[in-house]
C-alpha atoms as a PDB file:
ATOM      1  CA  MET A   1       9.671   2.938   8.466  1.00  0.00           C
ATOM      2  CA  GLN A   2       8.003   3.963  11.692  1.00  0.00           C
ATOM      3  CA  LYS A   3       4.338   3.263  12.149  1.00  0.00           C
ATOM      4  CA  GLY A   4       2.348   6.369  11.280  1.00  0.00           C
ATOM      5  CA  ALA A   5       5.217   8.153   9.521  1.00  0.00           C
ATOM      6  CA  TRP A   6       2.723   9.381   6.912  1.00  0.00           C
ATOM      7  CA  ALA A   7      -0.103  10.075   9.383  1.00  0.00           C
ATOM      8  CA  GLU A   8      -0.700  13.520   7.818  1.00  0.00           C
ATOM      9  CA  LEU A   9      -2.039  11.720   4.706  1.00  0.00           C
ATOM     10  CA  ALA A  10      -4.517   9.617   6.693  1.00  0.00           C
ATOM     11  CA  VAL A  11      -7.712  11.529   5.880  1.00  0.00           C
ATOM     12  CA  SER A  12     -10.951   9.583   5.339  1.00  0.00           C
ATOM     13  CA  GLY A  13     -11.952   9.362   1.698  1.00  0.00           C
ATOM     14  CA  THR A  14      -8.428   9.872   0.367  1.00  0.00           C
ATOM     15  CA  GLU A  15      -7.395   7.663  -2.556  1.00  0.00           C
ATOM     16  CA  PHE A  16      -3.825   6.373  -2.841  1.00  0.00           C
ATOM     17  CA  SER A  17      -2.301   5.321  -6.171  1.00  0.00           C
ATOM     18  CA  CYS A  18       0.375   2.692  -5.688  1.00  0.00           C
ATOM     19  CA  LYS A  19       2.905   1.049  -7.976  1.00  0.00           C
ATOM     20  CA  VAL A  20       3.781  -2.372  -6.585  1.00  0.00           C
ATOM     21  CA  THR A  21       6.877  -4.518  -7.029  1.00  0.00           C
ATOM     22  CA  PRO A  22       6.260  -8.077  -5.795  1.00  0.00           C
ATOM     23  CA  ARG A  23       9.071 -10.538  -4.947  1.00  0.00           C
ATOM     24  CA  ALA A  24      11.492  -7.738  -4.128  1.00  0.00           C
ATOM     25  CA  ARG A  25      14.702  -8.420  -2.258  1.00  0.00           C
ATOM     26  CA  ARG A  26      13.421  -6.385   0.692  1.00  0.00           C
ATOM     27  CA  SER A  27      10.227  -4.537   1.535  1.00  0.00           C
ATOM     28  CA  SER A  28      10.150  -0.765   1.193  1.00  0.00           C
ATOM     29  CA  ILE A  29       7.697   2.072   0.683  1.00  0.00           C
ATOM     30  CA  THR A  30       8.481   5.476  -0.825  1.00  0.00           C
ATOM     31  CA  ARG A  31       6.495   8.492  -1.940  1.00  0.00           C
ATOM     32  CA  ASP A  32       7.159  10.217  -5.263  1.00  0.00           C
ATOM     33  CA  GLY A  33       4.729  13.114  -5.534  1.00  0.00           C
ATOM     34  CA  SER A  34       1.245  11.614  -5.586  1.00  0.00           C
ATOM     35  CA  MET A  35       2.474   8.100  -6.484  1.00  0.00           C
ATOM     36  CA  ILE A  36       3.438   5.647  -3.753  1.00  0.00           C
ATOM     37  CA  LYS A  37       5.963   2.951  -4.661  1.00  0.00           C
ATOM     38  CA  ILE A  38       5.769  -0.213  -2.582  1.00  0.00           C
ATOM     39  CA  SER A  39       8.105  -3.196  -2.819  1.00  0.00           C
ATOM     40  CA  VAL A  40       7.134  -6.387  -1.002  1.00  0.00           C
ATOM     41  CA  THR A  41       8.874  -9.731  -0.620  1.00  0.00           C
ATOM     42  CA  ALA A  42       5.642 -11.684  -1.088  1.00  0.00           C
ATOM     43  CA  ALA A  43       4.969 -13.420  -4.385  1.00  0.00           C
ATOM     44  CA  ALA A  44       2.138 -12.254  -6.622  1.00  0.00           C
ATOM     45  CA  GLU A  45       0.040 -15.382  -6.175  1.00  0.00           C
ATOM     46  CA  ASP A  46      -3.269 -15.956  -4.393  1.00  0.00           C
ATOM     47  CA  GLY A  47      -3.395 -12.302  -3.277  1.00  0.00           C
ATOM     48  CA  LYS A  48      -0.327 -12.564  -1.017  1.00  0.00           C
ATOM     49  CA  ALA A  49       1.379  -9.515  -2.526  1.00  0.00           C
ATOM     50  CA  THR A  50      -1.815  -7.440  -2.347  1.00  0.00           C
ATOM     51  CA  ALA A  51      -2.218  -8.362   1.329  1.00  0.00           C
ATOM     52  CA  ALA A  52       1.402  -7.379   2.008  1.00  0.00           C
ATOM     53  CA  VAL A  53       0.910  -4.060   0.187  1.00  0.00           C
ATOM     54  CA  THR A  54      -2.227  -3.322   2.223  1.00  0.00           C
ATOM     55  CA  GLU A  55      -0.340  -4.045   5.426  1.00  0.00           C
ATOM     56  CA  ALA A  56       2.630  -1.862   4.430  1.00  0.00           C
ATOM     57  CA  LEU A  57       0.431   1.078   3.431  1.00  0.00           C
ATOM     58  CA  ALA A  58      -1.647   0.825   6.614  1.00  0.00           C
ATOM     59  CA  HIS A  59       1.543   0.728   8.691  1.00  0.00           C
ATOM     60  CA  ALA A  60       2.936   3.837   6.973  1.00  0.00           C
ATOM     61  CA  LEU A  61      -0.342   5.715   7.467  1.00  0.00           C
ATOM     62  CA  GLY A  62      -0.756   4.515  11.055  1.00  0.00           C
ATOM     63  CA  VAL A  63      -4.234   3.068  10.484  1.00  0.00           C
ATOM     64  CA  ALA A  64      -5.811  -0.379  10.669  1.00  0.00           C
ATOM     65  CA  LYS A  65      -5.634  -2.583   7.553  1.00  0.00           C
ATOM     66  CA  SER A  66      -9.415  -2.859   7.599  1.00  0.00           C
ATOM     67  CA  ARG A  67      -9.734   0.887   6.891  1.00  0.00           C
ATOM     68  CA  LEU A  68      -8.108   0.481   3.449  1.00  0.00           C
ATOM     69  CA  THR A  69     -10.317  -0.623   0.556  1.00  0.00           C
ATOM     70  CA  LEU A  70      -8.837  -1.789  -2.738  1.00  0.00           C
ATOM     71  CA  LEU A  71     -10.685   0.053  -5.501  1.00  0.00           C
ATOM     72  CA  ARG A  72      -8.719  -1.016  -8.586  1.00  0.00           C
ATOM     73  CA  GLY A  73      -5.857  -3.330  -9.435  1.00  0.00           C
ATOM     74  CA  ALA A  74      -6.484  -6.607  -7.635  1.00  0.00           C
ATOM     75  CA  ILE A  75      -4.244  -8.430 -10.130  1.00  0.00           C
ATOM     76  CA  SER A  76      -2.281  -5.450 -11.443  1.00  0.00           C
ATOM     77  CA  ARG A  77       0.934  -3.770 -10.322  1.00  0.00           C
ATOM     78  CA  ASN A  78      -0.910  -0.424 -10.278  1.00  0.00           C
ATOM     79  CA  LYS A  79      -3.355  -0.341  -7.393  1.00  0.00           C
ATOM     80  CA  VAL A  80      -5.708   2.293  -5.998  1.00  0.00           C
ATOM     81  CA  PHE A  81      -6.719   2.194  -2.331  1.00  0.00           C
ATOM     82  CA  ARG A  82      -9.264   4.364  -0.491  1.00  0.00           C
ATOM     83  CA  LEU A  83      -9.049   5.136   3.215  1.00  0.00           C
ATOM     84  CA  ASP A  84     -12.448   4.723   4.903  1.00  0.00           C
END
């Protein structure tokens, strides 16, 4: 996916609900209505998968990783991020 492909969604204060699949064969990110599905190759240990998800979402939105705040789901497959 190109950086900033979903730039139209990058509005401050927006919350993104994500369903995460760790240890996937390859990384991918898709949008299904209001739900974002993210697959990452990183394992779900020591926050590696969450960091990979943050990076993938920031890349798709075309923003810096530091602008995304994890609101819910630090150890869950369902995560909610807010764009600051």
